[in-house]
């Protein structure tokens, strides 16, 4: 299991609205989040999280999701998906767990550009 700290890395143009007559505006504002692994726990042998300086990823998620999650067991595409008439996820993961500053800037720019069509 992982402990993930989610913090705002940038704004998002994704503004939830109506999909097939269902209003999703209650999801409120979205952000590009920095997802940082700060702890790991082996559920078979550990009783508490071990602090780590782990991998970094980015995702488009509701701003309400800022904070720490200590229940992440699966892959990010499922763990950081939101319901928008179906599960949706926008995730950028590095093969080695880290991005260069140029890569991070480009990723934030790309992820922040996702938006709904009117």
PDB file of N, CA and C in Angstrom:
ATOM      1  N   UNK A   1       0.851  -1.164   0.000  1.00  0.00           N
ATOM      2  CA  UNK A   1       0.000   0.000   0.000  1.00  0.00           C
ATOM      3  C   UNK A   1       0.899   1.230   0.000  1.00  0.00           C
ATOM      4  N   UNK A   2       0.402   2.309  -0.606  1.00  0.00           N
ATOM      5  CA  UNK A   2       1.191   3.538  -0.688  1.00  0.00           C
ATOM      6  C   UNK A   2       0.460   4.698  -0.026  1.00  0.00           C
ATOM      7  N   UNK A   3       1.257   5.614   0.508  1.00  0.00           N
ATOM      8  CA  UNK A   3       0.745   6.898   0.989  1.00  0.00           C
ATOM      9  C   UNK A   3       1.146   7.926  -0.062  1.00  0.00           C
ATOM     10  N   UNK A   4       0.161   8.645  -0.591  1.00  0.00           N
ATOM     11  CA  UNK A   4       0.384   9.600  -1.667  1.00  0.00           C
ATOM     12  C   UNK A   4      -0.007  10.992  -1.194  1.00  0.00           C
ATOM     13  N   UNK A   5       0.890  11.947  -1.398  1.00  0.00           N
ATOM     14  CA  UNK A   5       0.574  13.339  -1.125  1.00  0.00           C
ATOM     15  C   UNK A   5       0.210  14.008  -2.439  1.00  0.00           C
ATOM     16  N   UNK A   6      -0.985  14.583  -2.486  1.00  0.00           N
ATOM     17  CA  UNK A   6      -1.489  15.256  -3.674  1.00  0.00           C
ATOM     18  C   UNK A   6      -1.474  16.761  -3.432  1.00  0.00           C
ATOM     19  N   UNK A   7      -0.724  17.480  -4.275  1.00  0.00           N
ATOM     20  CA  UNK A   7      -0.657  18.934  -4.142  1.00  0.00           C
ATOM     21  C   UNK A   7      -0.872  19.572  -5.514  1.00  0.00           C
ATOM     22  N   UNK A   8      -1.318  20.813  -5.509  1.00  0.00           N
ATOM     23  CA  UNK A   8      -1.607  21.507  -6.763  1.00  0.00           C
ATOM     24  C   UNK A   8      -0.307  21.905  -7.453  1.00  0.00           C
ATOM     25  N   UNK A   9      -0.160  21.428  -8.701  1.00  0.00           N
ATOM     26  CA  UNK A   9       1.004  21.775  -9.510  1.00  0.00           C
ATOM     27  C   UNK A   9       0.637  22.801 -10.570  1.00  0.00           C
ATOM     28  N   UNK A  10      -0.653  22.939 -10.859  1.00  0.00           N
ATOM     29  CA  UNK A  10      -1.113  23.889 -11.865  1.00  0.00           C
ATOM     30  C   UNK A  10      -2.627  23.898 -11.951  1.00  0.00           C
ATOM     31  N   UNK A  11      -3.131  24.875 -12.683  1.00  0.00           N
ATOM     32  CA  UNK A  11      -4.571  24.983 -12.892  1.00  0.00           C
ATOM     33  C   UNK A  11      -5.035  24.023 -13.972  1.00  0.00           C
ATOM     34  N   UNK A  12      -6.334  23.975 -14.176  1.00  0.00           N
ATOM     35  CA  UNK A  12      -6.911  23.090 -15.178  1.00  0.00           C
ATOM     36  C   UNK A  12      -8.039  23.796 -15.902  1.00  0.00           C
ATOM     37  N   UNK A  13      -8.115  23.582 -17.204  1.00  0.00           N
ATOM     38  CA  UNK A  13      -9.211  24.128 -18.000  1.00  0.00           C
ATOM     39  C   UNK A  13     -10.424  23.207 -17.996  1.00  0.00           C
ATOM     40  N   UNK A  14     -10.311  22.050 -17.316  1.00  0.00           N
ATOM     41  CA  UNK A  14     -11.419  21.104 -17.262  1.00  0.00           C
ATOM     42  C   UNK A  14     -12.474  21.644 -16.309  1.00  0.00           C
ATOM     43  N   UNK A  15     -13.642  21.983 -16.857  1.00  0.00           N
ATOM     44  CA  UNK A  15     -14.749  22.498 -16.053  1.00  0.00           C
ATOM     45  C   UNK A  15     -15.916  21.535 -16.222  1.00  0.00           C
ATOM     46  N   UNK A  16     -16.236  20.777 -15.187  1.00  0.00           N
ATOM     47  CA  UNK A  16     -17.308  19.791 -15.322  1.00  0.00           C
ATOM     48  C   UNK A  16     -18.663  20.447 -15.521  1.00  0.00           C
ATOM     49  N   UNK A  17     -19.474  19.819 -16.341  1.00  0.00           N
ATOM     50  CA  UNK A  17     -20.819  20.321 -16.617  1.00  0.00           C
ATOM     51  C   UNK A  17     -21.775  19.164 -16.786  1.00  0.00           C
ATOM     52  N   UNK A  18     -22.613  19.249 -17.798  1.00  0.00           N
ATOM     53  CA  UNK A  18     -23.615  18.223 -18.050  1.00  0.00           C
ATOM     54  C   UNK A  18     -23.096  17.171 -19.021  1.00  0.00           C
ATOM     55  N   UNK A  19     -23.401  15.918 -18.731  1.00  0.00           N
ATOM     56  CA  UNK A  19     -23.165  14.794 -19.627  1.00  0.00           C
ATOM     57  C   UNK A  19     -24.462  13.999 -19.649  1.00  0.00           C
ATOM     58  N   UNK A  20     -25.075  13.885 -20.814  1.00  0.00           N
ATOM     59  CA  UNK A  20     -26.322  13.138 -20.974  1.00  0.00           C
ATOM     60  C   UNK A  20     -27.340  13.526 -19.893  1.00  0.00           C
ATOM     61  N   UNK A  21     -27.570  14.816 -19.739  1.00  0.00           N
ATOM     62  CA  UNK A  21     -28.564  15.399 -18.827  1.00  0.00           C
ATOM     63  C   UNK A  21     -28.224  15.237 -17.343  1.00  0.00           C
ATOM     64  N   UNK A  22     -27.013  14.804 -17.030  1.00  0.00           N
ATOM     65  CA  UNK A  22     -26.584  14.717 -15.632  1.00  0.00           C
ATOM     66  C   UNK A  22     -25.570  15.829 -15.372  1.00  0.00           C
ATOM     67  N   UNK A  23     -25.807  16.596 -14.311  1.00  0.00           N
ATOM     68  CA  UNK A  23     -24.945  17.717 -13.957  1.00  0.00           C
ATOM     69  C   UNK A  23     -23.818  17.240 -13.043  1.00  0.00           C
ATOM     70  N   UNK A  24     -22.577  17.426 -13.497  1.00  0.00           N
ATOM     71  CA  UNK A  24     -21.403  17.035 -12.715  1.00  0.00           C
ATOM     72  C   UNK A  24     -20.657  18.245 -12.145  1.00  0.00           C
ATOM     73  N   UNK A  25     -21.312  19.392 -12.122  1.00  0.00           N
ATOM     74  CA  UNK A  25     -20.647  20.591 -11.612  1.00  0.00           C
ATOM     75  C   UNK A  25     -20.326  20.489 -10.126  1.00  0.00           C
ATOM     76  N   UNK A  26     -20.912  19.512  -9.414  1.00  0.00           N
ATOM     77  CA  UNK A  26     -20.594  19.345  -7.996  1.00  0.00           C
ATOM     78  C   UNK A  26     -19.154  18.867  -7.789  1.00  0.00           C
ATOM     79  N   UNK A  27     -18.477  18.465  -8.880  1.00  0.00           N
ATOM     80  CA  UNK A  27     -17.053  18.123  -8.783  1.00  0.00           C
ATOM     81  C   UNK A  27     -16.203  19.373  -8.571  1.00  0.00           C
ATOM     82  N   UNK A  28     -16.802  20.540  -8.834  1.00  0.00           N
ATOM     83  CA  UNK A  28     -16.183  21.846  -8.631  1.00  0.00           C
ATOM     84  C   UNK A  28     -14.922  22.024  -9.461  1.00  0.00           C
ATOM     85  N   UNK A  29     -13.949  22.769  -8.975  1.00  0.00           N
ATOM     86  CA  UNK A  29     -12.738  23.114  -9.729  1.00  0.00           C
ATOM     87  C   UNK A  29     -11.779  21.941  -9.820  1.00  0.00           C
ATOM     88  N   UNK A  30     -11.064  21.876 -10.936  1.00  0.00           N
ATOM     89  CA  UNK A  30     -10.050  20.842 -11.144  1.00  0.00           C
ATOM     90  C   UNK A  30      -8.667  21.470 -11.115  1.00  0.00           C
ATOM     91  N   UNK A  31      -7.672  20.631 -10.949  1.00  0.00           N
ATOM     92  CA  UNK A  31      -6.275  21.065 -10.924  1.00  0.00           C
ATOM     93  C   UNK A  31      -5.410  20.003 -11.577  1.00  0.00           C
ATOM     94  N   UNK A  32      -4.196  20.402 -11.906  1.00  0.00           N
ATOM     95  CA  UNK A  32      -3.163  19.430 -12.232  1.00  0.00           C
ATOM     96  C   UNK A  32      -2.451  19.165 -10.918  1.00  0.00           C
ATOM     97  N   UNK A  33      -2.512  17.931 -10.469  1.00  0.00           N
ATOM     98  CA  UNK A  33      -1.938  17.567  -9.174  1.00  0.00           C
ATOM     99  C   UNK A  33      -0.577  16.909  -9.349  1.00  0.00           C
ATOM    100  N   UNK A  34       0.285  17.185  -8.400  1.00  0.00           N
ATOM    101  CA  UNK A  34       1.539  16.443  -8.263  1.00  0.00           C
ATOM    102  C   UNK A  34       1.252  15.339  -7.261  1.00  0.00           C
ATOM    103  N   UNK A  35       1.463  14.104  -7.673  1.00  0.00           N
ATOM    104  CA  UNK A  35       1.233  12.944  -6.810  1.00  0.00           C
ATOM    105  C   UNK A  35       2.585  12.389  -6.397  1.00  0.00           C
ATOM    106  N   UNK A  36       2.899  12.482  -5.126  1.00  0.00           N
ATOM    107  CA  UNK A  36       4.206  12.081  -4.607  1.00  0.00           C
ATOM    108  C   UNK A  36       4.046  10.951  -3.608  1.00  0.00           C
ATOM    109  N   UNK A  37       4.749   9.848  -3.840  1.00  0.00           N
ATOM    110  CA  UNK A  37       4.737   8.734  -2.896  1.00  0.00           C
ATOM    111  C   UNK A  37       5.606   9.130  -1.702  1.00  0.00           C
ATOM    112  N   UNK A  38       4.986   9.151  -0.508  1.00  0.00           N
ATOM    113  CA  UNK A  38       5.717   9.537   0.707  1.00  0.00           C
ATOM    114  C   UNK A  38       5.807   8.402   1.722  1.00  0.00           C
ATOM    115  N   UNK A  39       5.119   7.294   1.434  1.00  0.00           N
ATOM    116  CA  UNK A  39       5.170   6.164   2.356  1.00  0.00           C
ATOM    117  C   UNK A  39       4.757   4.871   1.681  1.00  0.00           C
ATOM    118  N   UNK A  40       5.288   3.770   2.203  1.00  0.00           N
ATOM    119  CA  UNK A  40       4.928   2.433   1.718  1.00  0.00           C
ATOM    120  C   UNK A  40       4.684   1.541   2.909  1.00  0.00           C
ATOM    121  N   UNK A  41       3.767   0.586   2.708  1.00  0.00           N
ATOM    122  CA  UNK A  41       3.425  -0.334   3.768  1.00  0.00           C
ATOM    123  C   UNK A  41       3.165  -1.706   3.144  1.00  0.00           C
ATOM    124  N   UNK A  42       3.881  -2.703   3.606  1.00  0.00           N
ATOM    125  CA  UNK A  42       3.628  -4.085   3.199  1.00  0.00           C
ATOM    126  C   UNK A  42       2.576  -4.621   4.158  1.00  0.00           C
ATOM    127  N   UNK A  43       1.381  -4.841   3.659  1.00  0.00           N
ATOM    128  CA  UNK A  43       0.256  -5.212   4.529  1.00  0.00           C
ATOM    129  C   UNK A  43       0.441  -6.564   5.206  1.00  0.00           C
ATOM    130  N   UNK A  44       1.387  -7.364   4.755  1.00  0.00           N
ATOM    131  CA  UNK A  44       1.603  -8.667   5.381  1.00  0.00           C
ATOM    132  C   UNK A  44       2.590  -8.616   6.543  1.00  0.00           C
ATOM    133  N   UNK A  45       3.496  -7.616   6.537  1.00  0.00           N
ATOM    134  CA  UNK A  45       4.510  -7.597   7.597  1.00  0.00           C
ATOM    135  C   UNK A  45       4.630  -6.271   8.346  1.00  0.00           C
ATOM    136  N   UNK A  46       4.169  -5.166   7.753  1.00  0.00           N
ATOM    137  CA  UNK A  46       4.324  -3.856   8.395  1.00  0.00           C
ATOM    138  C   UNK A  46       3.077  -3.482   9.183  1.00  0.00           C
ATOM    139  N   UNK A  47       3.280  -2.728  10.260  1.00  0.00           N
ATOM    140  CA  UNK A  47       2.150  -2.226  11.031  1.00  0.00           C
ATOM    141  C   UNK A  47       1.939  -0.732  10.802  1.00  0.00           C
ATOM    142  N   UNK A  48       2.904  -0.089  10.149  1.00  0.00           N
ATOM    143  CA  UNK A  48       2.794   1.337   9.848  1.00  0.00           C
ATOM    144  C   UNK A  48       3.579   1.626   8.581  1.00  0.00           C
ATOM    145  N   UNK A  49       3.316   2.783   8.003  1.00  0.00           N
ATOM    146  CA  UNK A  49       4.021   3.195   6.795  1.00  0.00           C
ATOM    147  C   UNK A  49       5.488   3.478   7.079  1.00  0.00           C
ATOM    148  N   UNK A  50       6.338   3.109   6.148  1.00  0.00           N
ATOM    149  CA  UNK A  50       7.736   3.507   6.173  1.00  0.00           C
ATOM    150  C   UNK A  50       7.865   4.723   5.264  1.00  0.00           C
ATOM    151  N   UNK A  51       8.448   5.803   5.776  1.00  0.00           N
ATOM    152  CA  UNK A  51       8.611   7.013   4.980  1.00  0.00           C
ATOM    153  C   UNK A  51       9.565   6.757   3.826  1.00  0.00           C
ATOM    154  N   UNK A  52       9.196   7.246   2.645  1.00  0.00           N
ATOM    155  CA  UNK A  52      10.043   7.132   1.459  1.00  0.00           C
ATOM    156  C   UNK A  52       9.993   8.438   0.680  1.00  0.00           C
ATOM    157  N   UNK A  53      11.019   8.672  -0.091  1.00  0.00           N
ATOM    158  CA  UNK A  53      11.058   9.781  -1.039  1.00  0.00           C
ATOM    159  C   UNK A  53      10.821   9.136  -2.404  1.00  0.00           C
ATOM    160  N   UNK A  54       9.538   8.884  -2.693  1.00  0.00           N
ATOM    161  CA  UNK A  54       9.174   8.038  -3.816  1.00  0.00           C
ATOM    162  C   UNK A  54       8.874   8.759  -5.108  1.00  0.00           C
ATOM    163  N   UNK A  55       8.271   8.009  -5.994  1.00  0.00           N
ATOM    164  CA  UNK A  55       7.981   8.450  -7.360  1.00  0.00           C
ATOM    165  C   UNK A  55       7.016   9.625  -7.384  1.00  0.00           C
ATOM    166  N   UNK A  56       7.124  10.396  -8.466  1.00  0.00           N
ATOM    167  CA  UNK A  56       6.256  11.539  -8.707  1.00  0.00           C
ATOM    168  C   UNK A  56       5.500  11.304 -10.004  1.00  0.00           C
ATOM    169  N   UNK A  57       4.205  11.586  -9.978  1.00  0.00           N
ATOM    170  CA  UNK A  57       3.358  11.543 -11.161  1.00  0.00           C
ATOM    171  C   UNK A  57       2.499  12.798 -11.160  1.00  0.00           C
ATOM    172  N   UNK A  58       1.791  13.020 -12.243  1.00  0.00           N
ATOM    173  CA  UNK A  58       0.870  14.143 -12.327  1.00  0.00           C
ATOM    174  C   UNK A  58      -0.482  13.641 -12.813  1.00  0.00           C
ATOM    175  N   UNK A  59      -1.554  14.324 -12.386  1.00  0.00           N
ATOM    176  CA  UNK A  59      -2.906  13.921 -12.767  1.00  0.00           C
ATOM    177  C   UNK A  59      -3.836  15.124 -12.770  1.00  0.00           C
ATOM    178  N   UNK A  60      -4.882  15.045 -13.569  1.00  0.00           N
ATOM    179  CA  UNK A  60      -5.959  16.027 -13.520  1.00  0.00           C
ATOM    180  C   UNK A  60      -7.018  15.450 -12.594  1.00  0.00           C
ATOM    181  N   UNK A  61      -7.275  16.147 -11.488  1.00  0.00           N
ATOM    182  CA  UNK A  61      -8.231  15.682 -10.479  1.00  0.00           C
ATOM    183  C   UNK A  61      -8.967  16.879  -9.882  1.00  0.00           C
ATOM    184  N   UNK A  62     -10.091  16.636  -9.210  1.00  0.00           N
ATOM    185  CA  UNK A  62     -10.762  17.733  -8.507  1.00  0.00           C
ATOM    186  C   UNK A  62      -9.847  18.327  -7.429  1.00  0.00           C
ATOM    187  N   UNK A  63      -9.903  19.647  -7.275  1.00  0.00           N
ATOM    188  CA  UNK A  63      -9.084  20.307  -6.249  1.00  0.00           C
ATOM    189  C   UNK A  63      -9.419  19.789  -4.852  1.00  0.00           C
ATOM    190  N   UNK A  64     -10.621  19.278  -4.675  1.00  0.00           N
ATOM    191  CA  UNK A  64     -11.017  18.709  -3.379  1.00  0.00           C
ATOM    192  C   UNK A  64     -10.126  17.544  -2.970  1.00  0.00           C
ATOM    193  N   UNK A  65      -9.396  16.976  -3.906  1.00  0.00           N
ATOM    194  CA  UNK A  65      -8.549  15.814  -3.639  1.00  0.00           C
ATOM    195  C   UNK A  65      -7.155  16.189  -3.141  1.00  0.00           C
ATOM    196  N   UNK A  66      -6.907  17.460  -2.885  1.00  0.00           N
ATOM    197  CA  UNK A  66      -5.623  17.882  -2.329  1.00  0.00           C
ATOM    198  C   UNK A  66      -5.468  17.282  -0.937  1.00  0.00           C
ATOM    199  N   UNK A  67      -4.274  16.777  -0.662  1.00  0.00           N
ATOM    200  CA  UNK A  67      -4.035  16.214   0.664  1.00  0.00           C
ATOM    201  C   UNK A  67      -3.331  14.875   0.580  1.00  0.00           C
ATOM    202  N   UNK A  68      -3.454  14.109   1.643  1.00  0.00           N
ATOM    203  CA  UNK A  68      -2.752  12.826   1.745  1.00  0.00           C
ATOM    204  C   UNK A  68      -3.760  11.684   1.708  1.00  0.00           C
ATOM    205  N   UNK A  69      -3.469  10.706   0.865  1.00  0.00           N
ATOM    206  CA  UNK A  69      -4.231   9.452   0.829  1.00  0.00           C
ATOM    207  C   UNK A  69      -3.313   8.337   1.278  1.00  0.00           C
ATOM    208  N   UNK A  70      -3.766   7.577   2.249  1.00  0.00           N
ATOM    209  CA  UNK A  70      -2.938   6.464   2.736  1.00  0.00           C
ATOM    210  C   UNK A  70      -3.602   5.121   2.464  1.00  0.00           C
ATOM    211  N   UNK A  71      -4.386   5.075   1.385  1.00  0.00           N
ATOM    212  CA  UNK A  71      -5.115   3.857   1.048  1.00  0.00           C
ATOM    213  C   UNK A  71      -4.908   3.425  -0.404  1.00  0.00           C
ATOM    214  N   UNK A  72      -3.844   3.880  -1.035  1.00  0.00           N
ATOM    215  CA  UNK A  72      -3.626   3.608  -2.453  1.00  0.00           C
ATOM    216  C   UNK A  72      -3.027   2.214  -2.617  1.00  0.00           C
ATOM    217  N   UNK A  73      -3.782   1.349  -3.258  1.00  0.00           N
ATOM    218  CA  UNK A  73      -3.355  -0.037  -3.442  1.00  0.00           C
ATOM    219  C   UNK A  73      -3.163  -0.397  -4.901  1.00  0.00           C
ATOM    220  N   UNK A  74      -3.852   0.313  -5.786  1.00  0.00           N
ATOM    221  CA  UNK A  74      -3.830  -0.048  -7.199  1.00  0.00           C
ATOM    222  C   UNK A  74      -3.034   0.932  -8.039  1.00  0.00           C
ATOM    223  N   UNK A  75      -3.186   0.782  -9.337  1.00  0.00           N
ATOM    224  CA  UNK A  75      -2.505   1.664 -10.284  1.00  0.00           C
ATOM    225  C   UNK A  75      -3.217   3.019 -10.304  1.00  0.00           C
ATOM    226  N   UNK A  76      -2.482   4.054 -10.624  1.00  0.00           N
ATOM    227  CA  UNK A  76      -3.021   5.410 -10.574  1.00  0.00           C
ATOM    228  C   UNK A  76      -4.195   5.620 -11.524  1.00  0.00           C
ATOM    229  N   UNK A  77      -4.184   4.924 -12.660  1.00  0.00           N
ATOM    230  CA  UNK A  77      -5.264   5.119 -13.630  1.00  0.00           C
ATOM    231  C   UNK A  77      -6.621   4.800 -13.009  1.00  0.00           C
ATOM    232  N   UNK A  78      -6.650   3.930 -12.028  1.00  0.00           N
ATOM    233  CA  UNK A  78      -7.891   3.625 -11.316  1.00  0.00           C
ATOM    234  C   UNK A  78      -8.039   4.404 -10.030  1.00  0.00           C
ATOM    235  N   UNK A  79      -6.960   4.553  -9.297  1.00  0.00           N
ATOM    236  CA  UNK A  79      -7.001   5.222  -7.990  1.00  0.00           C
ATOM    237  C   UNK A  79      -7.316   6.715  -8.101  1.00  0.00           C
ATOM    238  N   UNK A  80      -6.881   7.344  -9.181  1.00  0.00           N
ATOM    239  CA  UNK A  80      -7.095   8.780  -9.334  1.00  0.00           C
ATOM    240  C   UNK A  80      -8.028   9.090 -10.500  1.00  0.00           C
ATOM    241  N   UNK A  81      -8.982   8.185 -10.719  1.00  0.00           N
ATOM    242  CA  UNK A  81     -10.039   8.398 -11.706  1.00  0.00           C
ATOM    243  C   UNK A  81     -11.220   9.056 -11.007  1.00  0.00           C
ATOM    244  N   UNK A  82     -11.956   9.878 -11.728  1.00  0.00           N
ATOM    245  CA  UNK A  82     -13.155  10.505 -11.189  1.00  0.00           C
ATOM    246  C   UNK A  82     -14.343  10.120 -12.065  1.00  0.00           C
ATOM    247  N   UNK A  83     -15.530  10.128 -11.466  1.00  0.00           N
ATOM    248  CA  UNK A  83     -16.736   9.738 -12.184  1.00  0.00           C
ATOM    249  C   UNK A  83     -17.270  10.931 -12.961  1.00  0.00           C
ATOM    250  N   UNK A  84     -17.360  10.780 -14.282  1.00  0.00           N
ATOM    251  CA  UNK A  84     -17.891  11.816 -15.171  1.00  0.00           C
ATOM    252  C   UNK A  84     -18.670  11.095 -16.268  1.00  0.00           C
ATOM    253  N   UNK A  85     -19.760  10.457 -15.872  1.00  0.00           N
ATOM    254  CA  UNK A  85     -20.590   9.590 -16.699  1.00  0.00           C
ATOM    255  C   UNK A  85     -19.884   8.255 -16.978  1.00  0.00           C
ATOM    256  N   UNK A  86     -18.675   8.146 -16.591  1.00  0.00           N
ATOM    257  CA  UNK A  86     -17.846   6.942 -16.604  1.00  0.00           C
ATOM    258  C   UNK A  86     -16.567   7.344 -15.869  1.00  0.00           C
ATOM    259  N   UNK A  87     -15.754   6.394 -15.533  1.00  0.00           N
ATOM    260  CA  UNK A  87     -14.504   6.752 -14.861  1.00  0.00           C
ATOM    261  C   UNK A  87     -13.535   7.357 -15.866  1.00  0.00           C
ATOM    262  N   UNK A  88     -12.983   8.511 -15.499  1.00  0.00           N
ATOM    263  CA  UNK A  88     -12.049   9.253 -16.351  1.00  0.00           C
ATOM    264  C   UNK A  88     -10.766   9.464 -15.561  1.00  0.00           C
ATOM    265  N   UNK A  89      -9.623   9.307 -16.223  1.00  0.00           N
ATOM    266  CA  UNK A  89      -8.359   9.651 -15.575  1.00  0.00           C
ATOM    267  C   UNK A  89      -7.391  10.201 -16.610  1.00  0.00           C
ATOM    268  N   UNK A  90      -6.686  11.226 -16.207  1.00  0.00           N
ATOM    269  CA  UNK A  90      -5.618  11.836 -16.992  1.00  0.00           C
ATOM    270  C   UNK A  90      -4.369  11.759 -16.125  1.00  0.00           C
ATOM    271  N   UNK A  91      -3.438  10.878 -16.468  1.00  0.00           N
ATOM    272  CA  UNK A  91      -2.274  10.611 -15.625  1.00  0.00           C
ATOM    273  C   UNK A  91      -1.003  10.685 -16.453  1.00  0.00           C
ATOM    274  N   UNK A  92       0.043  11.248 -15.884  1.00  0.00           N
ATOM    275  CA  UNK A  92       1.384  11.211 -16.482  1.00  0.00           C
ATOM    276  C   UNK A  92       2.318  10.575 -15.465  1.00  0.00           C
ATOM    277  N   UNK A  93       2.904   9.442 -15.848  1.00  0.00           N
ATOM    278  CA  UNK A  93       3.836   8.734 -14.975  1.00  0.00           C
ATOM    279  C   UNK A  93       5.172   8.587 -15.687  1.00  0.00           C
ATOM    280  N   UNK A  94       6.242   8.759 -14.958  1.00  0.00           N
ATOM    281  CA  UNK A  94       7.580   8.596 -15.506  1.00  0.00           C
ATOM    282  C   UNK A  94       8.029   7.149 -15.329  1.00  0.00           C
ATOM    283  N   UNK A  95       8.681   6.577 -16.347  1.00  0.00           N
ATOM    284  CA  UNK A  95       9.168   5.195 -16.206  1.00  0.00           C
ATOM    285  C   UNK A  95      10.121   5.013 -15.018  1.00  0.00           C
ATOM    286  N   UNK A  96      10.890   6.056 -14.683  1.00  0.00           N
ATOM    287  CA  UNK A  96      11.837   5.926 -13.569  1.00  0.00           C
ATOM    288  C   UNK A  96      11.363   6.641 -12.298  1.00  0.00           C
ATOM    289  N   UNK A  97      10.131   7.169 -12.322  1.00  0.00           N
ATOM    290  CA  UNK A  97       9.559   7.780 -11.128  1.00  0.00           C
ATOM    291  C   UNK A  97       9.835   9.253 -10.943  1.00  0.00           C
ATOM    292  N   UNK A  98      10.618   9.853 -11.816  1.00  0.00           N
ATOM    293  CA  UNK A  98      10.937  11.282 -11.702  1.00  0.00           C
ATOM    294  C   UNK A  98      10.857  11.933 -13.075  1.00  0.00           C
ATOM    295  N   UNK A  99      10.535  13.222 -13.093  1.00  0.00           N
ATOM    296  CA  UNK A  99      10.541  14.018 -14.313  1.00  0.00           C
ATOM    297  C   UNK A  99      11.630  15.073 -14.206  1.00  0.00           C
ATOM    298  N   UNK A 100      12.236  15.426 -15.335  1.00  0.00           N
ATOM    299  CA  UNK A 100      13.128  16.586 -15.345  1.00  0.00           C
ATOM    300  C   UNK A 100      12.251  17.824 -15.215  1.00  0.00           C
ATOM    301  N   UNK A 101      12.834  18.958 -14.914  1.00  0.00           N
ATOM    302  CA  UNK A 101      12.040  20.186 -14.777  1.00  0.00           C
ATOM    303  C   UNK A 101      11.380  20.547 -16.105  1.00  0.00           C
ATOM    304  N   UNK A 102      12.056  20.303 -17.223  1.00  0.00           N
ATOM    305  CA  UNK A 102      11.455  20.573 -18.534  1.00  0.00           C
ATOM    306  C   UNK A 102      10.282  19.635 -18.800  1.00  0.00           C
ATOM    307  N   UNK A 103      10.446  18.352 -18.472  1.00  0.00           N
ATOM    308  CA  UNK A 103       9.358  17.392 -18.659  1.00  0.00           C
ATOM    309  C   UNK A 103       8.158  17.768 -17.798  1.00  0.00           C
ATOM    310  N   UNK A 104       8.415  18.133 -16.549  1.00  0.00           N
ATOM    311  CA  UNK A 104       7.325  18.484 -15.643  1.00  0.00           C
ATOM    312  C   UNK A 104       6.571  19.713 -16.145  1.00  0.00           C
ATOM    313  N   UNK A 105       7.283  20.702 -16.620  1.00  0.00           N
ATOM    314  CA  UNK A 105       6.658  21.910 -17.149  1.00  0.00           C
ATOM    315  C   UNK A 105       5.770  21.562 -18.359  1.00  0.00           C
ATOM    316  N   UNK A 106       6.280  20.716 -19.251  1.00  0.00           N
ATOM    317  CA  UNK A 106       5.523  20.317 -20.431  1.00  0.00           C
ATOM    318  C   UNK A 106       4.297  19.479 -20.052  1.00  0.00           C
ATOM    319  N   UNK A 107       4.458  18.573 -19.104  1.00  0.00           N
ATOM    320  CA  UNK A 107       3.345  17.730 -18.644  1.00  0.00           C
ATOM    321  C   UNK A 107       2.246  18.582 -18.035  1.00  0.00           C
ATOM    322  N   UNK A 108       2.613  19.532 -17.186  1.00  0.00           N
ATOM    323  CA  UNK A 108       1.618  20.401 -16.560  1.00  0.00           C
ATOM    324  C   UNK A 108       0.888  21.205 -17.627  1.00  0.00           C
ATOM    325  N   UNK A 109       1.615  21.684 -18.617  1.00  0.00           N
ATOM    326  CA  UNK A 109       1.005  22.445 -19.708  1.00  0.00           C
ATOM    327  C   UNK A 109       0.003  21.580 -20.481  1.00  0.00           C
ATOM    328  N   UNK A 110       0.383  20.361 -20.796  1.00  0.00           N
ATOM    329  CA  UNK A 110      -0.506  19.456 -21.538  1.00  0.00           C
ATOM    330  C   UNK A 110      -1.722  19.093 -20.695  1.00  0.00           C
ATOM    331  N   UNK A 111      -1.504  18.645 -19.463  1.00  0.00           N
ATOM    332  CA  UNK A 111      -2.620  18.238 -18.619  1.00  0.00           C
ATOM    333  C   UNK A 111      -3.571  19.401 -18.318  1.00  0.00           C
ATOM    334  N   UNK A 112      -3.035  20.587 -18.143  1.00  0.00           N
ATOM    335  CA  UNK A 112      -3.899  21.746 -17.845  1.00  0.00           C
ATOM    336  C   UNK A 112      -4.755  22.131 -19.041  1.00  0.00           C
ATOM    337  N   UNK A 113      -4.391  21.689 -20.245  1.00  0.00           N
ATOM    338  CA  UNK A 113      -5.134  22.071 -21.443  1.00  0.00           C
ATOM    339  C   UNK A 113      -6.369  21.199 -21.693  1.00  0.00           C
ATOM    340  N   UNK A 114      -6.509  20.063 -21.018  1.00  0.00           N
ATOM    341  CA  UNK A 114      -7.677  19.217 -21.228  1.00  0.00           C
ATOM    342  C   UNK A 114      -8.931  19.957 -20.773  1.00  0.00           C
ATOM    343  N   UNK A 115      -9.958  19.911 -21.604  1.00  0.00           N
ATOM    344  CA  UNK A 115     -11.186  20.626 -21.296  1.00  0.00           C
ATOM    345  C   UNK A 115     -12.380  19.920 -21.927  1.00  0.00           C
ATOM    346  N   UNK A 116     -13.549  20.268 -21.464  1.00  0.00           N
ATOM    347  CA  UNK A 116     -14.765  19.712 -22.043  1.00  0.00           C
ATOM    348  C   UNK A 116     -15.132  20.533 -23.265  1.00  0.00           C
ATOM    349  N   UNK A 117     -15.882  19.921 -24.156  1.00  0.00           N
ATOM    350  CA  UNK A 117     -16.321  20.620 -25.362  1.00  0.00           C
ATOM    351  C   UNK A 117     -17.747  21.114 -25.128  1.00  0.00           C
ATOM    352  N   UNK A 118     -17.973  22.342 -25.484  1.00  0.00           N
ATOM    353  CA  UNK A 118     -19.334  22.922 -25.314  1.00  0.00           C
ATOM    354  C   UNK A 118     -20.223  22.544 -26.466  1.00  0.00           C
TER     355      UNK A 118
END
